Each structure stands twice: as structure tokens, then as C-alpha cells.
Amino acid sequence: MFRLLSAVSFLFLFACQPGTPPAEQVAGDWQGARWEANGNPVTDDPTRVVFMFQPPDRYAAVFGNQQEAGVYRVNDGRLYTQADGQAQIMVRFDRPDPDTLTLQMNRGGRMETLVLGRRK
């Protein structure tokens, strides 16, 4: 158990090193793997959600048949996105391992968690 906690702590510290440029913390292509609201699965298919983050500040997203593109920034565990011509939104994020990005968001008062896996 101690070895597991040590390994997880090391990965967490490594992923959050201050030397990592903020935009690089979410850089890459990500696809939904699990989506929950208040701890229960969401009826939407999470695999239809795709995010592509290109440093230093551009992103594109696909939600089924919907697409958007815009700018993003990262600050202190928060991901700010602003689709072209839209208002800025913010979600909290976590990187429990190099191939997982977890987004925690409040959609209309409903707490949701979207777990994304790195696309290969």
C-alpha cells in the first residue's frame, strides 16, 4: 500500500511541476471515456466527446454533431475555454496519470465529471 501511495504521489508531483508550461498541462487529443452527474452515469455517450488542445492557446472540440473552436488557458488547476464568438467558461481539471484528463464542471447547478483518455 505504501509503495502505491508513493508512486501516485510521485506521479502527481511530476505532472504538476511548476516548470511545466500551463498550456502543456492539457495539450493533446482527448476522447471521453466516462461521464457522470452527481455520481450517476450520464445518458450521453462520452466517447462522442473529443477535445484537441494545441499550445499555446487554441483548442477544438466535438460533441457528437456539434463542433467548436477557440482559445484556452490554464491557471491553477482550472481550464478556461472561450469558443469563437462565445463567452468564456471554466472547469476544474486533474491529471491523475499522463493518459487521463478529468474535467469537473457545474452545468446549470448539476455537478458533472467527464473523464477523458488520451487519443492515440
PDB file of N, CA and C in Angstrom:
ATOM      1  N   MET A   1       0.828  -1.192   0.000  1.00  0.00           N
ATOM      2  CA  MET A   1       0.000   0.000   0.000  1.00  0.00           C
ATOM      3  C   MET A   1       0.871   1.254   0.000  1.00  0.00           C
ATOM      4  N   PHE A   2       1.911   1.268   0.830  1.00  0.00           N
ATOM      5  CA  PHE A   2       2.804   2.420   0.908  1.00  0.00           C
ATOM      6  C   PHE A   2       3.469   2.680  -0.431  1.00  0.00           C
ATOM      7  N   ARG A   3       3.869   1.622  -1.136  1.00  0.00           N
ATOM      8  CA  ARG A   3       4.516   1.794  -2.444  1.00  0.00           C
ATOM      9  C   ARG A   3       3.550   2.410  -3.446  1.00  0.00           C
ATOM     10  N   LEU A   4       2.285   1.977  -3.396  1.00  0.00           N
ATOM     11  CA  LEU A   4       1.277   2.532  -4.310  1.00  0.00           C
ATOM     12  C   LEU A   4       1.082   4.019  -4.029  1.00  0.00           C
ATOM     13  N   LEU A   5       0.952   4.382  -2.745  1.00  0.00           N
ATOM     14  CA  LEU A   5       0.781   5.794  -2.396  1.00  0.00           C
ATOM     15  C   LEU A   5       1.998   6.612  -2.804  1.00  0.00           C
ATOM     16  N   SER A   6       3.178   6.057  -2.638  1.00  0.00           N
ATOM     17  CA  SER A   6       4.397   6.762  -3.034  1.00  0.00           C
ATOM     18  C   SER A   6       4.427   6.976  -4.541  1.00  0.00           C
ATOM     19  N   ALA A   7       4.056   5.956  -5.300  1.00  0.00           N
ATOM     20  CA  ALA A   7       4.057   6.075  -6.756  1.00  0.00           C
ATOM     21  C   ALA A   7       3.035   7.102  -7.222  1.00  0.00           C
ATOM     22  N   VAL A   8       1.837   7.073  -6.637  1.00  0.00           N
ATOM     23  CA  VAL A   8       0.807   8.037  -7.010  1.00  0.00           C
ATOM     24  C   VAL A   8       1.242   9.452  -6.646  1.00  0.00           C
ATOM     25  N   SER A   9       1.833   9.625  -5.473  1.00  0.00           N
ATOM     26  CA  SER A   9       2.320  10.945  -5.065  1.00  0.00           C
ATOM     27  C   SER A   9       3.394  11.446  -6.009  1.00  0.00           C
ATOM     28  N   PHE A  10       4.308  10.576  -6.414  1.00  0.00           N
ATOM     29  CA  PHE A  10       5.357  10.963  -7.346  1.00  0.00           C
ATOM     30  C   PHE A  10       4.769  11.394  -8.681  1.00  0.00           C
ATOM     31  N   LEU A  11       3.818  10.627  -9.220  1.00  0.00           N
ATOM     32  CA  LEU A  11       3.196  10.989 -10.500  1.00  0.00           C
ATOM     33  C   LEU A  11       2.453  12.312 -10.394  1.00  0.00           C
ATOM     34  N   PHE A  12       1.765  12.523  -9.283  1.00  0.00           N
ATOM     35  CA  PHE A  12       1.044  13.782  -9.099  1.00  0.00           C
ATOM     36  C   PHE A  12       2.015  14.951  -9.071  1.00  0.00           C
ATOM     37  N   LEU A  13       3.080  14.823  -8.317  1.00  0.00           N
ATOM     38  CA  LEU A  13       4.068  15.898  -8.246  1.00  0.00           C
ATOM     39  C   LEU A  13       4.740  16.126  -9.597  1.00  0.00           C
ATOM     40  N   PHE A  14       5.040  15.063 -10.300  1.00  0.00           N
ATOM     41  CA  PHE A  14       5.669  15.181 -11.606  1.00  0.00           C
ATOM     42  C   PHE A  14       4.749  15.900 -12.596  1.00  0.00           C
ATOM     43  N   ALA A  15       3.457  15.556 -12.576  1.00  0.00           N
ATOM     44  CA  ALA A  15       2.501  16.156 -13.512  1.00  0.00           C
ATOM     45  C   ALA A  15       2.259  17.624 -13.201  1.00  0.00           C
ATOM     46  N   CYS A  16       2.474  18.035 -11.963  1.00  0.00           N
ATOM     47  CA  CYS A  16       2.171  19.406 -11.559  1.00  0.00           C
ATOM     48  C   CYS A  16       3.431  20.237 -11.312  1.00  0.00           C
ATOM     49  N   GLN A  17       4.538  19.836 -11.856  1.00  0.00           N
ATOM     50  CA  GLN A  17       5.759  20.595 -11.654  1.00  0.00           C
ATOM     51  C   GLN A  17       5.588  22.012 -12.150  1.00  0.00           C
ATOM     52  N   PRO A  18       6.124  22.991 -11.401  1.00  0.00           N
ATOM     53  CA  PRO A  18       5.960  24.366 -11.822  1.00  0.00           C
ATOM     54  C   PRO A  18       6.651  24.667 -13.146  1.00  0.00           C
ATOM     55  N   GLY A  19       7.615  23.847 -13.569  1.00  0.00           N
ATOM     56  CA  GLY A  19       8.310  24.081 -14.813  1.00  0.00           C
ATOM     57  C   GLY A  19       7.490  23.717 -16.045  1.00  0.00           C
ATOM     58  N   THR A  20       6.359  23.026 -15.864  1.00  0.00           N
ATOM     59  CA  THR A  20       5.518  22.653 -16.992  1.00  0.00           C
ATOM     60  C   THR A  20       4.706  23.870 -17.411  1.00  0.00           C
ATOM     61  N   PRO A  21       4.865  24.323 -18.664  1.00  0.00           N
ATOM     62  CA  PRO A  21       4.060  25.463 -19.106  1.00  0.00           C
ATOM     63  C   PRO A  21       2.575  25.137 -18.964  1.00  0.00           C
ATOM     64  N   PRO A  22       1.764  26.096 -18.522  1.00  0.00           N
ATOM     65  CA  PRO A  22       0.349  25.814 -18.280  1.00  0.00           C
ATOM     66  C   PRO A  22      -0.372  25.182 -19.468  1.00  0.00           C
ATOM     67  N   ALA A  23      -0.164  25.689 -20.668  1.00  0.00           N
ATOM     68  CA  ALA A  23      -0.866  25.140 -21.829  1.00  0.00           C
ATOM     69  C   ALA A  23      -0.494  23.683 -22.078  1.00  0.00           C
ATOM     70  N   GLU A  24       0.717  23.291 -21.716  1.00  0.00           N
ATOM     71  CA  GLU A  24       1.170  21.915 -21.916  1.00  0.00           C
ATOM     72  C   GLU A  24       0.479  20.934 -20.975  1.00  0.00           C
ATOM     73  N   GLN A  25      -0.118  21.434 -19.885  1.00  0.00           N
ATOM     74  CA  GLN A  25      -0.766  20.547 -18.921  1.00  0.00           C
ATOM     75  C   GLN A  25      -1.961  19.813 -19.519  1.00  0.00           C
ATOM     76  N   VAL A  26      -2.584  20.371 -20.555  1.00  0.00           N
ATOM     77  CA  VAL A  26      -3.738  19.720 -21.183  1.00  0.00           C
ATOM     78  C   VAL A  26      -3.501  19.453 -22.674  1.00  0.00           C
ATOM     79  N   ALA A  27      -2.314  19.752 -23.170  1.00  0.00           N
ATOM     80  CA  ALA A  27      -2.022  19.620 -24.603  1.00  0.00           C
ATOM     81  C   ALA A  27      -2.274  18.203 -25.097  1.00  0.00           C
ATOM     82  N   GLY A  28      -2.790  18.101 -26.313  1.00  0.00           N
ATOM     83  CA  GLY A  28      -3.004  16.806 -26.938  1.00  0.00           C
ATOM     84  C   GLY A  28      -4.452  16.599 -27.337  1.00  0.00           C
ATOM     85  N   ASP A  29      -4.721  15.391 -27.789  1.00  0.00           N
ATOM     86  CA  ASP A  29      -6.055  14.998 -28.229  1.00  0.00           C
ATOM     87  C   ASP A  29      -6.654  14.050 -27.193  1.00  0.00           C
ATOM     88  N   TRP A  30      -7.887  14.330 -26.777  1.00  0.00           N
ATOM     89  CA  TRP A  30      -8.546  13.598 -25.707  1.00  0.00           C
ATOM     90  C   TRP A  30      -9.934  13.161 -26.142  1.00  0.00           C
ATOM     91  N   GLN A  31     -10.342  11.962 -25.710  1.00  0.00           N
ATOM     92  CA  GLN A  31     -11.680  11.446 -26.019  1.00  0.00           C
ATOM     93  C   GLN A  31     -12.346  10.977 -24.735  1.00  0.00           C
ATOM     94  N   GLY A  32     -13.645  11.247 -24.641  1.00  0.00           N
ATOM     95  CA  GLY A  32     -14.402  10.874 -23.450  1.00  0.00           C
ATOM     96  C   GLY A  32     -14.385   9.380 -23.194  1.00  0.00           C
ATOM     97  N   ALA A  33     -14.262   9.016 -21.930  1.00  0.00           N
ATOM     98  CA  ALA A  33     -14.276   7.611 -21.520  1.00  0.00           C
ATOM     99  C   ALA A  33     -15.392   7.350 -20.503  1.00  0.00           C
ATOM    100  N   ARG A  34     -15.667   8.343 -19.649  1.00  0.00           N
ATOM    101  CA  ARG A  34     -16.707   8.187 -18.620  1.00  0.00           C
ATOM    102  C   ARG A  34     -17.278   9.570 -18.310  1.00  0.00           C
ATOM    103  N   TRP A  35     -18.590   9.628 -18.123  1.00  0.00           N
ATOM    104  CA  TRP A  35     -19.269  10.897 -17.842  1.00  0.00           C
ATOM    105  C   TRP A  35     -20.296  10.642 -16.765  1.00  0.00           C
ATOM    106  N   GLU A  36     -20.203  11.388 -15.669  1.00  0.00           N
ATOM    107  CA  GLU A  36     -21.111  11.210 -14.541  1.00  0.00           C
ATOM    108  C   GLU A  36     -21.682  12.547 -14.101  1.00  0.00           C
ATOM    109  N   ALA A  37     -22.895  12.509 -13.590  1.00  0.00           N
ATOM    110  CA  ALA A  37     -23.540  13.671 -12.982  1.00  0.00           C
ATOM    111  C   ALA A  37     -24.005  13.266 -11.598  1.00  0.00           C
ATOM    112  N   ASN A  38     -23.535  13.991 -10.598  1.00  0.00           N
ATOM    113  CA  ASN A  38     -23.876  13.668  -9.210  1.00  0.00           C
ATOM    114  C   ASN A  38     -23.610  12.202  -8.893  1.00  0.00           C
ATOM    115  N   GLY A  39     -22.555  11.636  -9.462  1.00  0.00           N
ATOM    116  CA  GLY A  39     -22.157  10.260  -9.189  1.00  0.00           C
ATOM    117  C   GLY A  39     -22.853   9.199 -10.016  1.00  0.00           C
ATOM    118  N   ASN A  40     -23.776   9.586 -10.885  1.00  0.00           N
ATOM    119  CA  ASN A  40     -24.502   8.633 -11.724  1.00  0.00           C
ATOM    120  C   ASN A  40     -24.118   8.818 -13.186  1.00  0.00           C
ATOM    121  N   PRO A  41     -24.077   7.738 -13.968  1.00  0.00           N
ATOM    122  CA  PRO A  41     -23.722   7.862 -15.391  1.00  0.00           C
ATOM    123  C   PRO A  41     -24.687   8.785 -16.129  1.00  0.00           C
ATOM    124  N   VAL A  42     -24.129   9.593 -17.033  1.00  0.00           N
ATOM    125  CA  VAL A  42     -24.923  10.475 -17.891  1.00  0.00           C
ATOM    126  C   VAL A  42     -25.377   9.657 -19.096  1.00  0.00           C
ATOM    127  N   THR A  43     -26.565   9.948 -19.596  1.00  0.00           N
ATOM    128  CA  THR A  43     -27.084   9.169 -20.723  1.00  0.00           C
ATOM    129  C   THR A  43     -26.345   9.461 -22.021  1.00  0.00           C
ATOM    130  N   ASP A  44     -25.704  10.626 -22.143  1.00  0.00           N
ATOM    131  CA  ASP A  44     -24.929  10.936 -23.343  1.00  0.00           C
ATOM    132  C   ASP A  44     -23.723  10.006 -23.444  1.00  0.00           C
ATOM    133  N   ASP A  45     -23.383   9.607 -24.650  1.00  0.00           N
ATOM    134  CA  ASP A  45     -22.242   8.727 -24.893  1.00  0.00           C
ATOM    135  C   ASP A  45     -20.947   9.525 -24.747  1.00  0.00           C
ATOM    136  N   PRO A  46     -20.136   9.237 -23.732  1.00  0.00           N
ATOM    137  CA  PRO A  46     -18.922  10.028 -23.516  1.00  0.00           C
ATOM    138  C   PRO A  46     -17.904   9.898 -24.644  1.00  0.00           C
ATOM    139  N   THR A  47     -17.931   8.811 -25.394  1.00  0.00           N
ATOM    140  CA  THR A  47     -16.937   8.630 -26.461  1.00  0.00           C
ATOM    141  C   THR A  47     -17.176   9.584 -27.629  1.00  0.00           C
ATOM    142  N   ARG A  48     -18.331  10.249 -27.648  1.00  0.00           N
ATOM    143  CA  ARG A  48     -18.614  11.226 -28.700  1.00  0.00           C
ATOM    144  C   ARG A  48     -18.046  12.600 -28.382  1.00  0.00           C
ATOM    145  N   VAL A  49     -17.379  12.734 -27.225  1.00  0.00           N
ATOM    146  CA  VAL A  49     -16.762  13.996 -26.822  1.00  0.00           C
ATOM    147  C   VAL A  49     -15.263  13.913 -27.122  1.00  0.00           C
ATOM    148  N   VAL A  50     -14.777  14.869 -27.899  1.00  0.00           N
ATOM    149  CA  VAL A  50     -13.353  14.913 -28.250  1.00  0.00           C
ATOM    150  C   VAL A  50     -12.863  16.349 -28.083  1.00  0.00           C
ATOM    151  N   PHE A  51     -11.714  16.500 -27.411  1.00  0.00           N
ATOM    152  CA  PHE A  51     -11.045  17.794 -27.280  1.00  0.00           C
ATOM    153  C   PHE A  51      -9.655  17.688 -27.879  1.00  0.00           C
ATOM    154  N   MET A  52      -9.248  18.733 -28.572  1.00  0.00           N
ATOM    155  CA  MET A  52      -7.894  18.814 -29.134  1.00  0.00           C
ATOM    156  C   MET A  52      -7.302  20.151 -28.701  1.00  0.00           C
ATOM    157  N   PHE A  53      -6.285  20.098 -27.840  1.00  0.00           N
ATOM    158  CA  PHE A  53      -5.638  21.301 -27.323  1.00  0.00           C
ATOM    159  C   PHE A  53      -4.271  21.465 -27.977  1.00  0.00           C
ATOM    160  N   GLN A  54      -4.090  22.574 -28.683  1.00  0.00           N
ATOM    161  CA  GLN A  54      -2.833  22.887 -29.351  1.00  0.00           C
ATOM    162  C   GLN A  54      -2.201  24.093 -28.671  1.00  0.00           C
ATOM    163  N   PRO A  55      -1.065  23.895 -27.994  1.00  0.00           N
ATOM    164  CA  PRO A  55      -0.391  25.039 -27.391  1.00  0.00           C
ATOM    165  C   PRO A  55       0.040  26.019 -28.481  1.00  0.00           C
ATOM    166  N   PRO A  56       0.115  27.297 -28.239  1.00  0.00           N
ATOM    167  CA  PRO A  56      -0.007  27.822 -26.887  1.00  0.00           C
ATOM    168  C   PRO A  56      -1.429  28.097 -26.426  1.00  0.00           C
ATOM    169  N   ASP A  57      -2.439  28.196 -27.355  1.00  0.00           N
ATOM    170  CA  ASP A  57      -3.733  28.623 -26.838  1.00  0.00           C
ATOM    171  C   ASP A  57      -4.956  28.252 -27.683  1.00  0.00           C
ATOM    172  N   ARG A  58      -4.838  27.369 -28.646  1.00  0.00           N
ATOM    173  CA  ARG A  58      -6.001  27.032 -29.486  1.00  0.00           C
ATOM    174  C   ARG A  58      -6.552  25.649 -29.129  1.00  0.00           C
ATOM    175  N   TYR A  59      -7.860  25.520 -29.223  1.00  0.00           N
ATOM    176  CA  TYR A  59      -8.489  24.221 -28.999  1.00  0.00           C
ATOM    177  C   TYR A  59      -9.630  24.041 -29.991  1.00  0.00           C
ATOM    178  N   ALA A  60     -10.006  22.802 -30.174  1.00  0.00           N
ATOM    179  CA  ALA A  60     -11.187  22.434 -30.942  1.00  0.00           C
ATOM    180  C   ALA A  60     -11.886  21.336 -30.154  1.00  0.00           C
ATOM    181  N   ALA A  61     -13.211  21.292 -30.283  1.00  0.00           N
ATOM    182  CA  ALA A  61     -13.980  20.285 -29.564  1.00  0.00           C
ATOM    183  C   ALA A  61     -15.097  19.774 -30.455  1.00  0.00           C
ATOM    184  N   VAL A  62     -15.427  18.499 -30.266  1.00  0.00           N
ATOM    185  CA  VAL A  62     -16.530  17.873 -30.985  1.00  0.00           C
ATOM    186  C   VAL A  62     -17.429  17.222 -29.939  1.00  0.00           C
ATOM    187  N   PHE A  63     -18.729  17.501 -30.017  1.00  0.00           N
ATOM    188  CA  PHE A  63     -19.722  16.902 -29.138  1.00  0.00           C
ATOM    189  C   PHE A  63     -20.772  16.262 -30.036  1.00  0.00           C
ATOM    190  N   GLY A  64     -20.547  15.048 -30.468  1.00  0.00           N
ATOM    191  CA  GLY A  64     -21.464  14.416 -31.415  1.00  0.00           C
ATOM    192  C   GLY A  64     -21.411  15.146 -32.741  1.00  0.00           C
ATOM    193  N   ASN A  65     -22.515  15.806 -33.116  1.00  0.00           N
ATOM    194  CA  ASN A  65     -22.574  16.554 -34.372  1.00  0.00           C
ATOM    195  C   ASN A  65     -22.179  18.023 -34.201  1.00  0.00           C
ATOM    196  N   GLN A  66     -21.982  18.479 -32.971  1.00  0.00           N
ATOM    197  CA  GLN A  66     -21.619  19.871 -32.703  1.00  0.00           C
ATOM    198  C   GLN A  66     -20.110  20.020 -32.690  1.00  0.00           C
ATOM    199  N   GLN A  67     -19.639  21.129 -33.216  1.00  0.00           N
ATOM    200  CA  GLN A  67     -18.206  21.423 -33.200  1.00  0.00           C
ATOM    201  C   GLN A  67     -17.997  22.852 -32.735  1.00  0.00           C
ATOM    202  N   GLU A  68     -16.863  23.082 -32.065  1.00  0.00           N
ATOM    203  CA  GLU A  68     -16.492  24.437 -31.697  1.00  0.00           C
ATOM    204  C   GLU A  68     -14.984  24.549 -31.693  1.00  0.00           C
ATOM    205  N   ALA A  69     -14.506  25.769 -31.794  1.00  0.00           N
ATOM    206  CA  ALA A  69     -13.072  26.045 -31.743  1.00  0.00           C
ATOM    207  C   ALA A  69     -12.896  27.401 -31.081  1.00  0.00           C
ATOM    208  N   GLY A  70     -11.745  27.584 -30.469  1.00  0.00           N
ATOM    209  CA  GLY A  70     -11.491  28.846 -29.801  1.00  0.00           C
ATOM    210  C   GLY A  70     -10.143  28.851 -29.120  1.00  0.00           C
ATOM    211  N   VAL A  71     -10.064  29.631 -28.052  1.00  0.00           N
ATOM    212  CA  VAL A  71      -8.818  29.757 -27.301  1.00  0.00           C
ATOM    213  C   VAL A  71      -9.005  29.140 -25.920  1.00  0.00           C
ATOM    214  N   TYR A  72      -7.874  28.741 -25.322  1.00  0.00           N
ATOM    215  CA  TYR A  72      -7.912  28.206 -23.968  1.00  0.00           C
ATOM    216  C   TYR A  72      -6.710  28.709 -23.199  1.00  0.00           C
ATOM    217  N   ARG A  73      -6.845  28.625 -21.885  1.00  0.00           N
ATOM    218  CA  ARG A  73      -5.716  28.906 -20.996  1.00  0.00           C
ATOM    219  C   ARG A  73      -5.895  28.066 -19.744  1.00  0.00           C
ATOM    220  N   VAL A  74      -4.786  27.834 -19.070  1.00  0.00           N
ATOM    221  CA  VAL A  74      -4.771  27.025 -17.859  1.00  0.00           C
ATOM    222  C   VAL A  74      -4.193  27.873 -16.742  1.00  0.00           C
ATOM    223  N   ASN A  75      -4.849  27.812 -15.581  1.00  0.00           N
ATOM    224  CA  ASN A  75      -4.359  28.566 -14.433  1.00  0.00           C
ATOM    225  C   ASN A  75      -4.788  27.860 -13.157  1.00  0.00           C
ATOM    226  N   ASP A  76      -3.816  27.381 -12.394  1.00  0.00           N
ATOM    227  CA  ASP A  76      -4.055  26.849 -11.054  1.00  0.00           C
ATOM    228  C   ASP A  76      -5.141  25.769 -11.012  1.00  0.00           C
ATOM    229  N   GLY A  77      -5.013  24.751 -11.878  1.00  0.00           N
ATOM    230  CA  GLY A  77      -5.964  23.645 -11.866  1.00  0.00           C
ATOM    231  C   GLY A  77      -7.296  23.954 -12.507  1.00  0.00           C
ATOM    232  N   ARG A  78      -7.348  25.070 -13.212  1.00  0.00           N
ATOM    233  CA  ARG A  78      -8.574  25.458 -13.906  1.00  0.00           C
ATOM    234  C   ARG A  78      -8.285  25.592 -15.392  1.00  0.00           C
ATOM    235  N   LEU A  79      -9.223  25.127 -16.186  1.00  0.00           N
ATOM    236  CA  LEU A  79      -9.136  25.221 -17.644  1.00  0.00           C
ATOM    237  C   LEU A  79     -10.206  26.197 -18.103  1.00  0.00           C
ATOM    238  N   TYR A  80      -9.772  27.266 -18.759  1.00  0.00           N
ATOM    239  CA  TYR A  80     -10.681  28.280 -19.282  1.00  0.00           C
ATOM    240  C   TYR A  80     -10.737  28.118 -20.799  1.00  0.00           C
ATOM    241  N   THR A  81     -11.938  27.973 -21.344  1.00  0.00           N
ATOM    242  CA  THR A  81     -12.100  27.898 -22.792  1.00  0.00           C
ATOM    243  C   THR A  81     -13.055  28.999 -23.222  1.00  0.00           C
ATOM    244  N   GLN A  82     -12.803  29.514 -24.420  1.00  0.00           N
ATOM    245  CA  GLN A  82     -13.688  30.514 -24.998  1.00  0.00           C
ATOM    246  C   GLN A  82     -13.820  30.218 -26.477  1.00  0.00           C
ATOM    247  N   ALA A  83     -14.962  29.632 -26.833  1.00  0.00           N
ATOM    248  CA  ALA A  83     -15.229  29.344 -28.240  1.00  0.00           C
ATOM    249  C   ALA A  83     -15.347  30.669 -28.983  1.00  0.00           C
ATOM    250  N   ASP A  84     -14.938  30.673 -30.232  1.00  0.00           N
ATOM    251  CA  ASP A  84     -15.004  31.878 -31.051  1.00  0.00           C
ATOM    252  C   ASP A  84     -16.420  32.444 -31.024  1.00  0.00           C
ATOM    253  N   GLY A  85     -16.532  33.712 -30.621  1.00  0.00           N
ATOM    254  CA  GLY A  85     -17.824  34.385 -30.573  1.00  0.00           C
ATOM    255  C   GLY A  85     -18.691  34.039 -29.375  1.00  0.00           C
ATOM    256  N   GLN A  86     -18.161  33.318 -28.392  1.00  0.00           N
ATOM    257  CA  GLN A  86     -18.932  32.884 -27.221  1.00  0.00           C
ATOM    258  C   GLN A  86     -18.310  33.439 -25.938  1.00  0.00           C
ATOM    259  N   ALA A  87     -18.996  33.245 -24.831  1.00  0.00           N
ATOM    260  CA  ALA A  87     -18.486  33.634 -23.520  1.00  0.00           C
ATOM    261  C   ALA A  87     -17.497  32.592 -23.016  1.00  0.00           C
ATOM    262  N   GLN A  88     -16.600  33.026 -22.159  1.00  0.00           N
ATOM    263  CA  GLN A  88     -15.607  32.124 -21.561  1.00  0.00           C
ATOM    264  C   GLN A  88     -16.271  31.226 -20.519  1.00  0.00           C
ATOM    265  N   ILE A  89     -15.824  29.969 -20.455  1.00  0.00           N
ATOM    266  CA  ILE A  89     -16.281  29.058 -19.405  1.00  0.00           C
ATOM    267  C   ILE A  89     -15.059  28.488 -18.697  1.00  0.00           C
ATOM    268  N   MET A  90     -15.268  27.992 -17.483  1.00  0.00           N
ATOM    269  CA  MET A  90     -14.175  27.456 -16.687  1.00  0.00           C
ATOM    270  C   MET A  90     -14.599  26.116 -16.108  1.00  0.00           C
ATOM    271  N   VAL A  91     -13.664  25.149 -16.124  1.00  0.00           N
ATOM    272  CA  VAL A  91     -13.853  23.866 -15.455  1.00  0.00           C
ATOM    273  C   VAL A  91     -12.590  23.568 -14.663  1.00  0.00           C
ATOM    274  N   ARG A  92     -12.725  22.799 -13.628  1.00  0.00           N
ATOM    275  CA  ARG A  92     -11.548  22.324 -12.892  1.00  0.00           C
ATOM    276  C   ARG A  92     -11.057  21.068 -13.592  1.00  0.00           C
ATOM    277  N   PHE A  93      -9.740  20.862 -13.557  1.00  0.00           N
ATOM    278  CA  PHE A  93      -9.215  19.657 -14.177  1.00  0.00           C
ATOM    279  C   PHE A  93      -8.167  19.018 -13.293  1.00  0.00           C
ATOM    280  N   ASP A  94      -7.947  17.737 -13.567  1.00  0.00           N
ATOM    281  CA  ASP A  94      -6.960  16.948 -12.838  1.00  0.00           C
ATOM    282  C   ASP A  94      -6.315  16.003 -13.833  1.00  0.00           C
ATOM    283  N   ARG A  95      -5.060  15.682 -13.612  1.00  0.00           N
ATOM    284  CA  ARG A  95      -4.338  14.721 -14.445  1.00  0.00           C
ATOM    285  C   ARG A  95      -3.830  13.600 -13.546  1.00  0.00           C
ATOM    286  N   PRO A  96      -4.684  12.611 -13.219  1.00  0.00           N
ATOM    287  CA  PRO A  96      -4.254  11.542 -12.316  1.00  0.00           C
ATOM    288  C   PRO A  96      -3.135  10.684 -12.889  1.00  0.00           C
ATOM    289  N   ASP A  97      -3.022  10.639 -14.217  1.00  0.00           N
ATOM    290  CA  ASP A  97      -1.891   9.962 -14.863  1.00  0.00           C
ATOM    291  C   ASP A  97      -1.702  10.610 -16.237  1.00  0.00           C
ATOM    292  N   PRO A  98      -0.599  10.322 -16.925  1.00  0.00           N
ATOM    293  CA  PRO A  98      -0.318  11.017 -18.192  1.00  0.00           C
ATOM    294  C   PRO A  98      -1.362  10.817 -19.287  1.00  0.00           C
ATOM    295  N   ASP A  99      -2.131   9.738 -19.230  1.00  0.00           N
ATOM    296  CA  ASP A  99      -3.104   9.457 -20.283  1.00  0.00           C
ATOM    297  C   ASP A  99      -4.549   9.732 -19.880  1.00  0.00           C
ATOM    298  N   THR A 100      -4.750  10.444 -18.764  1.00  0.00           N
ATOM    299  CA  THR A 100      -6.098  10.731 -18.280  1.00  0.00           C
ATOM    300  C   THR A 100      -6.227  12.213 -17.931  1.00  0.00           C
ATOM    301  N   LEU A 101      -7.321  12.793 -18.374  1.00  0.00           N
ATOM    302  CA  LEU A 101      -7.662  14.174 -18.054  1.00  0.00           C
ATOM    303  C   LEU A 101      -9.086  14.158 -17.511  1.00  0.00           C
ATOM    304  N   THR A 102      -9.267  14.614 -16.287  1.00  0.00           N
ATOM    305  CA  THR A 102     -10.578  14.629 -15.656  1.00  0.00           C
ATOM    306  C   THR A 102     -11.058  16.069 -15.544  1.00  0.00           C
ATOM    307  N   LEU A 103     -12.241  16.336 -16.089  1.00  0.00           N
ATOM    308  CA  LEU A 103     -12.846  17.658 -16.026  1.00  0.00           C
ATOM    309  C   LEU A 103     -14.007  17.626 -15.048  1.00  0.00           C
ATOM    310  N   GLN A 104     -14.031  18.580 -14.131  1.00  0.00           N
ATOM    311  CA  GLN A 104     -15.121  18.698 -13.169  1.00  0.00           C
ATOM    312  C   GLN A 104     -15.832  20.006 -13.453  1.00  0.00           C
ATOM    313  N   MET A 105     -17.136  19.919 -13.742  1.00  0.00           N
ATOM    314  CA  MET A 105     -17.855  21.107 -14.162  1.00  0.00           C
ATOM    315  C   MET A 105     -19.216  21.211 -13.497  1.00  0.00           C
ATOM    316  N   ASN A 106     -19.728  22.407 -13.482  1.00  0.00           N
ATOM    317  CA  ASN A 106     -21.049  22.701 -12.964  1.00  0.00           C
ATOM    318  C   ASN A 106     -21.893  23.141 -14.151  1.00  0.00           C
ATOM    319  N   ARG A 107     -22.816  22.282 -14.565  1.00  0.00           N
ATOM    320  CA  ARG A 107     -23.688  22.618 -15.700  1.00  0.00           C
ATOM    321  C   ARG A 107     -25.084  22.877 -15.178  1.00  0.00           C
ATOM    322  N   GLY A 108     -25.421  24.137 -15.058  1.00  0.00           N
ATOM    323  CA  GLY A 108     -26.760  24.509 -14.587  1.00  0.00           C
ATOM    324  C   GLY A 108     -27.065  24.010 -13.186  1.00  0.00           C
ATOM    325  N   GLY A 109     -26.077  23.996 -12.316  1.00  0.00           N
ATOM    326  CA  GLY A 109     -26.268  23.543 -10.944  1.00  0.00           C
ATOM    327  C   GLY A 109     -26.075  22.058 -10.742  1.00  0.00           C
ATOM    328  N   ARG A 110     -25.807  21.332 -11.806  1.00  0.00           N
ATOM    329  CA  ARG A 110     -25.575  19.886 -11.725  1.00  0.00           C
ATOM    330  C   ARG A 110     -24.080  19.635 -11.847  1.00  0.00           C
ATOM    331  N   MET A 111     -23.494  19.017 -10.838  1.00  0.00           N
ATOM    332  CA  MET A 111     -22.067  18.722 -10.848  1.00  0.00           C
ATOM    333  C   MET A 111     -21.801  17.519 -11.746  1.00  0.00           C
ATOM    334  N   GLU A 112     -20.908  17.696 -12.712  1.00  0.00           N
ATOM    335  CA  GLU A 112     -20.584  16.632 -13.652  1.00  0.00           C
ATOM    336  C   GLU A 112     -19.080  16.398 -13.684  1.00  0.00           C
ATOM    337  N   THR A 113     -18.710  15.152 -13.934  1.00  0.00           N
ATOM    338  CA  THR A 113     -17.318  14.762 -14.095  1.00  0.00           C
ATOM    339  C   THR A 113     -17.198  14.057 -15.437  1.00  0.00           C
ATOM    340  N   LEU A 114     -16.279  14.545 -16.259  1.00  0.00           N
ATOM    341  CA  LEU A 114     -16.011  13.935 -17.556  1.00  0.00           C
ATOM    342  C   LEU A 114     -14.564  13.462 -17.553  1.00  0.00           C
ATOM    343  N   VAL A 115     -14.374  12.161 -17.691  1.00  0.00           N
ATOM    344  CA  VAL A 115     -13.049  11.582 -17.726  1.00  0.00           C
ATOM    345  C   VAL A 115     -12.687  11.337 -19.192  1.00  0.00           C
ATOM    346  N   LEU A 116     -11.555  11.897 -19.598  1.00  0.00           N
ATOM    347  CA  LEU A 116     -11.079  11.777 -20.971  1.00  0.00           C
ATOM    348  C   LEU A 116      -9.802  10.967 -20.994  1.00  0.00           C
ATOM    349  N   GLY A 117      -9.634  10.176 -22.037  1.00  0.00           N
ATOM    350  CA  GLY A 117      -8.399   9.423 -22.247  1.00  0.00           C
ATOM    351  C   GLY A 117      -7.658   9.996 -23.434  1.00  0.00           C
ATOM    352  N   ARG A 118      -6.344   9.912 -23.382  1.00  0.00           N
ATOM    353  CA  ARG A 118      -5.533  10.410 -24.494  1.00  0.00           C
ATOM    354  C   ARG A 118      -5.800   9.582 -25.737  1.00  0.00           C
ATOM    355  N   ARG A 119      -6.049  10.267 -26.859  1.00  0.00           N
ATOM    356  CA  ARG A 119      -6.250   9.582 -28.136  1.00  0.00           C
ATOM    357  C   ARG A 119      -4.906   9.230 -28.704  1.00  0.00           C
ATOM    358  N   LYS A 120      -4.801   8.064 -29.245  1.00  0.00           N
ATOM    359  CA  LYS A 120      -3.524   7.597 -29.782  1.00  0.00           C
ATOM    360  C   LYS A 120      -3.483   7.731 -31.278  1.00  0.00           C
TER     361      LYS A 120
END
